[in-house]
Structure formats: structure tokens, C-alpha cells
Amino acid sequence: GGETASALFEAADAHLYQAKQAGRDRVVWRGHA
């Protein structure tokens, strides 16, 4: 169970990092449209 949670958190963190790096102008994930 713990491994799955860790993997999810890592994946989410990596996704957010890529989103910020690749689309700084797009901050829809932050709730700003």
C-alpha cells in the first residue's frame, strides 16, 4: 500500500513540475484562468 502512495505522490510532483516548466503561461492547474 505504501509503495503505491509514494509512487502517486512522485508522479503528481513530477507532473506539476513539468507543467510549470513547460507551460508557465498556463496556470490552469493552479485555478487561474
Protein backbone atom coordinates (compact mmCIF):
# COMPACT_ATOMS: atom_id res chain seq x y z
CA GLY A 1 0.00 0.00 0.00
CA GLY A 2 2.72 2.46 0.94
CA GLU A 3 4.59 1.95 -2.32
CA THR A 4 1.52 2.88 -4.35
CA ALA A 5 1.02 6.07 -2.34
CA SER A 6 4.66 7.05 -2.76
CA ALA A 7 4.51 6.40 -6.49
CA LEU A 8 1.37 8.51 -6.79
CA PHE A 9 2.94 11.42 -4.92
CA GLU A 10 6.11 11.22 -7.00
CA ALA A 11 4.11 11.08 -10.24
CA ALA A 12 1.96 14.04 -9.19
CA ASP A 13 5.01 16.07 -8.16
CA ALA A 14 6.79 15.31 -11.42
CA HIS A 15 3.67 16.17 -13.41
CA LEU A 16 3.28 19.52 -11.67
CA TYR A 17 6.98 20.28 -12.16
CA GLN A 18 6.79 19.54 -15.89
CA ALA A 19 3.60 21.57 -16.18
CA LYS A 20 5.25 24.57 -14.53
CA GLN A 21 8.40 24.24 -16.63
CA ALA A 22 6.65 23.58 -19.94
CA GLY A 23 3.73 25.95 -19.52
CA ARG A 24 4.43 28.82 -17.16
CA ASP A 25 1.84 30.87 -19.02
CA ARG A 26 -0.70 28.10 -18.40
CA VAL A 27 -1.55 28.03 -14.72
CA VAL A 28 -4.98 26.43 -15.08
CA TRP A 29 -3.84 23.71 -12.67
CA ARG A 30 -3.50 26.44 -10.09
CA GLY A 31 -7.07 27.56 -10.63
CA HIS A 32 -6.17 30.73 -12.53
CA ALA A 33 -7.96 31.05 -15.86
